[in-house]
Amino acid sequence: MIRKLASGQYRLYSRKKNPKTGKRRNLGTFRSRKAAVQHEREIQFFKRR
Protein backbone atom coordinates (compact mmCIF):
# COMPACT_ATOMS: atom_id res chain seq x y z
CA MET A 1 0.00 0.00 0.00
CA ILE A 2 1.49 3.32 -1.09
CA ARG A 3 0.40 6.64 0.39
CA LYS A 4 1.46 10.16 -0.49
CA LEU A 5 2.73 12.17 2.48
CA ALA A 6 2.24 15.87 3.12
CA SER A 7 5.93 16.38 2.28
CA GLY A 8 5.29 15.10 -1.25
CA GLN A 9 7.13 11.83 -0.69
CA TYR A 10 5.57 8.39 -0.95
CA ARG A 11 5.55 5.80 1.83
CA LEU A 12 5.19 2.07 1.39
CA TYR A 13 3.14 0.31 4.07
CA SER A 14 2.58 -3.39 4.62
CA ARG A 15 -0.66 -4.84 3.28
CA LYS A 16 -1.73 -6.38 6.58
CA LYS A 17 -2.24 -4.52 9.84
CA ASN A 18 -0.22 -5.51 12.89
CA PRO A 19 -2.77 -7.16 15.21
CA LYS A 20 -0.99 -5.84 18.30
CA THR A 21 -0.90 -2.15 17.29
CA GLY A 22 -3.64 -2.07 14.65
CA LYS A 23 -1.34 -0.13 12.30
CA ARG A 24 0.50 -0.99 9.11
CA ARG A 25 4.27 -1.40 9.10
CA ASN A 26 6.36 1.29 7.37
CA LEU A 27 8.39 -0.42 4.62
CA GLY A 28 10.21 2.67 3.39
CA THR A 29 9.84 6.26 2.18
CA PHE A 30 10.63 7.25 -1.42
CA ARG A 31 10.87 10.48 -3.40
CA SER A 32 8.82 9.19 -6.33
CA ARG A 33 5.85 6.88 -6.70
CA LYS A 34 7.75 4.94 -9.35
CA ALA A 35 10.50 4.12 -6.81
CA ALA A 36 7.91 3.02 -4.23
CA VAL A 37 6.17 0.74 -6.76
CA GLN A 38 9.51 -0.76 -7.78
CA HIS A 39 10.43 -1.49 -4.17
CA GLU A 40 7.03 -3.07 -3.53
CA ARG A 41 7.61 -5.42 -6.50
CA GLU A 42 11.06 -6.31 -5.13
CA ILE A 43 9.53 -7.16 -1.75
CA GLN A 44 6.86 -9.37 -3.32
CA PHE A 45 9.51 -11.16 -5.39
CA PHE A 46 11.74 -11.72 -2.37
CA LYS A 47 8.85 -13.07 -0.26
CA ARG A 48 8.43 -15.94 -2.71
CA ARG A 49 12.11 -16.97 -2.83
PDB file of N, CA and C in Angstrom:
ATOM      1  N   MET A   1       0.850  -1.170   0.000  1.00  0.00           N
ATOM      2  CA  MET A   1       0.000   0.000   0.000  1.00  0.00           C
ATOM      3  C   MET A   1       0.899   1.237   0.000  1.00  0.00           C
ATOM      4  N   ILE A   2       0.678   2.110  -0.956  1.00  0.00           N
ATOM      5  CA  ILE A   2       1.493   3.317  -1.090  1.00  0.00           C
ATOM      6  C   ILE A   2       0.617   4.530  -0.793  1.00  0.00           C
ATOM      7  N   ARG A   3       1.117   5.404   0.066  1.00  0.00           N
ATOM      8  CA  ARG A   3       0.398   6.636   0.394  1.00  0.00           C
ATOM      9  C   ARG A   3       1.302   7.838   0.165  1.00  0.00           C
ATOM     10  N   LYS A   4       0.699   8.930  -0.291  1.00  0.00           N
ATOM     11  CA  LYS A   4       1.455  10.161  -0.486  1.00  0.00           C
ATOM     12  C   LYS A   4       1.438  10.951   0.815  1.00  0.00           C
ATOM     13  N   LEU A   5       2.614  11.409   1.240  1.00  0.00           N
ATOM     14  CA  LEU A   5       2.732  12.168   2.477  1.00  0.00           C
ATOM     15  C   LEU A   5       2.584  13.656   2.203  1.00  0.00           C
ATOM     16  N   ALA A   6       2.386  14.409   3.248  1.00  0.00           N
ATOM     17  CA  ALA A   6       2.245  15.866   3.119  1.00  0.00           C
ATOM     18  C   ALA A   6       3.509  16.488   2.547  1.00  0.00           C
ATOM     19  N   SER A   7       4.651  15.864   2.773  1.00  0.00           N
ATOM     20  CA  SER A   7       5.928  16.383   2.279  1.00  0.00           C
ATOM     21  C   SER A   7       6.109  16.153   0.781  1.00  0.00           C
ATOM     22  N   GLY A   8       5.190  15.379   0.173  1.00  0.00           N
ATOM     23  CA  GLY A   8       5.289  15.095  -1.248  1.00  0.00           C
ATOM     24  C   GLY A   8       5.969  13.774  -1.547  1.00  0.00           C
ATOM     25  N   GLN A   9       6.495  13.125  -0.509  1.00  0.00           N
ATOM     26  CA  GLN A   9       7.125  11.825  -0.685  1.00  0.00           C
ATOM     27  C   GLN A   9       6.071  10.735  -0.619  1.00  0.00           C
ATOM     28  N   TYR A  10       6.477   9.532  -0.976  1.00  0.00           N
ATOM     29  CA  TYR A  10       5.571   8.386  -0.948  1.00  0.00           C
ATOM     30  C   TYR A  10       6.087   7.369   0.050  1.00  0.00           C
ATOM     31  N   ARG A  11       5.173   6.803   0.828  1.00  0.00           N
ATOM     32  CA  ARG A  11       5.551   5.804   1.826  1.00  0.00           C
ATOM     33  C   ARG A  11       4.883   4.481   1.527  1.00  0.00           C
ATOM     34  N   LEU A  12       5.675   3.430   1.633  1.00  0.00           N
ATOM     35  CA  LEU A  12       5.195   2.074   1.389  1.00  0.00           C
ATOM     36  C   LEU A  12       4.848   1.434   2.730  1.00  0.00           C
ATOM     37  N   TYR A  13       3.601   0.976   2.858  1.00  0.00           N
ATOM     38  CA  TYR A  13       3.135   0.314   4.072  1.00  0.00           C
ATOM     39  C   TYR A  13       2.844  -1.143   3.759  1.00  0.00           C
ATOM     40  N   SER A  14       2.923  -1.990   4.802  1.00  0.00           N
ATOM     41  CA  SER A  14       2.584  -3.394   4.624  1.00  0.00           C
ATOM     42  C   SER A  14       1.105  -3.523   4.301  1.00  0.00           C
ATOM     43  N   ARG A  15       0.740  -4.634   3.667  1.00  0.00           N
ATOM     44  CA  ARG A  15      -0.656  -4.840   3.276  1.00  0.00           C
ATOM     45  C   ARG A  15      -1.522  -5.182   4.480  1.00  0.00           C
ATOM     46  N   LYS A  16      -0.965  -5.956   5.409  1.00  0.00           N
ATOM     47  CA  LYS A  16      -1.727  -6.375   6.583  1.00  0.00           C
ATOM     48  C   LYS A  16      -1.436  -5.463   7.767  1.00  0.00           C
ATOM     49  N   LYS A  17      -2.424  -5.293   8.623  1.00  0.00           N
ATOM     50  CA  LYS A  17      -2.237  -4.523   9.845  1.00  0.00           C
ATOM     51  C   LYS A  17      -1.606  -5.406  10.912  1.00  0.00           C
ATOM     52  N   ASN A  18      -0.794  -4.803  11.759  1.00  0.00           N
ATOM     53  CA  ASN A  18      -0.217  -5.506  12.892  1.00  0.00           C
ATOM     54  C   ASN A  18      -1.329  -5.703  13.922  1.00  0.00           C
ATOM     55  N   PRO A  19      -1.655  -6.941  14.279  1.00  0.00           N
ATOM     56  CA  PRO A  19      -2.775  -7.163  15.208  1.00  0.00           C
ATOM     57  C   PRO A  19      -2.545  -6.539  16.582  1.00  0.00           C
ATOM     58  N   LYS A  20      -1.280  -6.396  16.983  1.00  0.00           N
ATOM     59  CA  LYS A  20      -0.986  -5.840  18.303  1.00  0.00           C
ATOM     60  C   LYS A  20      -1.226  -4.324  18.354  1.00  0.00           C
ATOM     61  N   THR A  21      -0.779  -3.612  17.301  1.00  0.00           N
ATOM     62  CA  THR A  21      -0.904  -2.152  17.292  1.00  0.00           C
ATOM     63  C   THR A  21      -2.082  -1.657  16.462  1.00  0.00           C
ATOM     64  N   GLY A  22      -2.549  -2.486  15.528  1.00  0.00           N
ATOM     65  CA  GLY A  22      -3.643  -2.066  14.653  1.00  0.00           C
ATOM     66  C   GLY A  22      -3.201  -1.151  13.530  1.00  0.00           C
ATOM     67  N   LYS A  23      -1.877  -1.001  13.347  1.00  0.00           N
ATOM     68  CA  LYS A  23      -1.340  -0.133  12.301  1.00  0.00           C
ATOM     69  C   LYS A  23      -0.561  -0.952  11.288  1.00  0.00           C
ATOM     70  N   ARG A  24      -0.286  -0.330  10.141  1.00  0.00           N
ATOM     71  CA  ARG A  24       0.497  -0.989   9.108  1.00  0.00           C
ATOM     72  C   ARG A  24       1.978  -0.656   9.298  1.00  0.00           C
ATOM     73  N   ARG A  25       2.833  -1.588   8.933  1.00  0.00           N
ATOM     74  CA  ARG A  25       4.268  -1.401   9.096  1.00  0.00           C
ATOM     75  C   ARG A  25       4.838  -0.520   7.987  1.00  0.00           C
ATOM     76  N   ASN A  26       5.700   0.422   8.337  1.00  0.00           N
ATOM     77  CA  ASN A  26       6.365   1.291   7.369  1.00  0.00           C
ATOM     78  C   ASN A  26       7.479   0.499   6.698  1.00  0.00           C
ATOM     79  N   LEU A  27       7.390   0.348   5.371  1.00  0.00           N
ATOM     80  CA  LEU A  27       8.393  -0.415   4.623  1.00  0.00           C
ATOM     81  C   LEU A  27       9.325   0.483   3.821  1.00  0.00           C
ATOM     82  N   GLY A  28       9.288   1.775   4.064  1.00  0.00           N
ATOM     83  CA  GLY A  28      10.213   2.671   3.392  1.00  0.00           C
ATOM     84  C   GLY A  28       9.541   3.909   2.837  1.00  0.00           C
ATOM     85  N   THR A  29      10.317   4.987   2.709  1.00  0.00           N
ATOM     86  CA  THR A  29       9.836   6.256   2.175  1.00  0.00           C
ATOM     87  C   THR A  29      10.662   6.596   0.937  1.00  0.00           C
ATOM     88  N   PHE A  30       9.971   7.028  -0.123  1.00  0.00           N
ATOM     89  CA  PHE A  30      10.630   7.251  -1.416  1.00  0.00           C
ATOM     90  C   PHE A  30      10.245   8.612  -1.986  1.00  0.00           C
ATOM     91  N   ARG A  31      11.125   9.159  -2.811  1.00  0.00           N
ATOM     92  CA  ARG A  31      10.869  10.476  -3.401  1.00  0.00           C
ATOM     93  C   ARG A  31       9.826  10.423  -4.499  1.00  0.00           C
ATOM     94  N   SER A  32       9.773   9.288  -5.227  1.00  0.00           N
ATOM     95  CA  SER A  32       8.818   9.187  -6.334  1.00  0.00           C
ATOM     96  C   SER A  32       7.940   7.963  -6.159  1.00  0.00           C
ATOM     97  N   ARG A  33       6.756   8.025  -6.753  1.00  0.00           N
ATOM     98  CA  ARG A  33       5.849   6.879  -6.698  1.00  0.00           C
ATOM     99  C   ARG A  33       6.439   5.689  -7.454  1.00  0.00           C
ATOM    100  N   LYS A  34       7.132   5.987  -8.546  1.00  0.00           N
ATOM    101  CA  LYS A  34       7.755   4.936  -9.351  1.00  0.00           C
ATOM    102  C   LYS A  34       8.742   4.126  -8.505  1.00  0.00           C
ATOM    103  N   ALA A  35       9.529   4.805  -7.673  1.00  0.00           N
ATOM    104  CA  ALA A  35      10.498   4.116  -6.813  1.00  0.00           C
ATOM    105  C   ALA A  35       9.787   3.263  -5.771  1.00  0.00           C
ATOM    106  N   ALA A  36       8.674   3.767  -5.233  1.00  0.00           N
ATOM    107  CA  ALA A  36       7.907   3.016  -4.235  1.00  0.00           C
ATOM    108  C   ALA A  36       7.295   1.764  -4.854  1.00  0.00           C
ATOM    109  N   VAL A  37       6.754   1.888  -6.066  1.00  0.00           N
ATOM    110  CA  VAL A  37       6.167   0.737  -6.757  1.00  0.00           C
ATOM    111  C   VAL A  37       7.245  -0.308  -7.049  1.00  0.00           C
ATOM    112  N   GLN A  38       8.406   0.147  -7.487  1.00  0.00           N
ATOM    113  CA  GLN A  38       9.509  -0.762  -7.784  1.00  0.00           C
ATOM    114  C   GLN A  38       9.927  -1.526  -6.534  1.00  0.00           C
ATOM    115  N   HIS A  39      10.018  -0.834  -5.413  1.00  0.00           N
ATOM    116  CA  HIS A  39      10.429  -1.490  -4.172  1.00  0.00           C
ATOM    117  C   HIS A  39       9.373  -2.491  -3.712  1.00  0.00           C
ATOM    118  N   GLU A  40       8.104  -2.150  -3.898  1.00  0.00           N
ATOM    119  CA  GLU A  40       7.028  -3.072  -3.534  1.00  0.00           C
ATOM    120  C   GLU A  40       7.136  -4.363  -4.351  1.00  0.00           C
ATOM    121  N   ARG A  41       7.442  -4.237  -5.636  1.00  0.00           N
ATOM    122  CA  ARG A  41       7.615  -5.415  -6.498  1.00  0.00           C
ATOM    123  C   ARG A  41       8.807  -6.251  -6.033  1.00  0.00           C
ATOM    124  N   GLU A  42       9.896  -5.590  -5.627  1.00  0.00           N
ATOM    125  CA  GLU A  42      11.065  -6.310  -5.126  1.00  0.00           C
ATOM    126  C   GLU A  42      10.725  -7.089  -3.867  1.00  0.00           C
ATOM    127  N   ILE A  43       9.940  -6.498  -2.980  1.00  0.00           N
ATOM    128  CA  ILE A  43       9.533  -7.160  -1.746  1.00  0.00           C
ATOM    129  C   ILE A  43       8.686  -8.390  -2.059  1.00  0.00           C
ATOM    130  N   GLN A  44       7.725  -8.255  -2.971  1.00  0.00           N
ATOM    131  CA  GLN A  44       6.857  -9.369  -3.316  1.00  0.00           C
ATOM    132  C   GLN A  44       7.657 -10.507  -3.958  1.00  0.00           C
ATOM    133  N   PHE A  45       8.649 -10.157  -4.774  1.00  0.00           N
ATOM    134  CA  PHE A  45       9.512 -11.161  -5.389  1.00  0.00           C
ATOM    135  C   PHE A  45      10.323 -11.901  -4.326  1.00  0.00           C
ATOM    136  N   PHE A  46      10.884 -11.144  -3.408  1.00  0.00           N
ATOM    137  CA  PHE A  46      11.742 -11.719  -2.371  1.00  0.00           C
ATOM    138  C   PHE A  46      10.946 -12.628  -1.429  1.00  0.00           C
ATOM    139  N   LYS A  47       9.680 -12.273  -1.151  1.00  0.00           N
ATOM    140  CA  LYS A  47       8.847 -13.069  -0.258  1.00  0.00           C
ATOM    141  C   LYS A  47       8.618 -14.470  -0.787  1.00  0.00           C
ATOM    142  N   ARG A  48       8.705 -14.642  -2.107  1.00  0.00           N
ATOM    143  CA  ARG A  48       8.431 -15.936  -2.709  1.00  0.00           C
ATOM    144  C   ARG A  48       9.696 -16.703  -3.078  1.00  0.00           C
ATOM    145  N   ARG A  49      10.839 -16.284  -2.553  1.00  0.00           N
ATOM    146  CA  ARG A  49      12.107 -16.973  -2.829  1.00  0.00           C
ATOM    147  C   ARG A  49      12.660 -17.577  -1.565  1.00  0.00           C
TER     148      ARG A  49
END
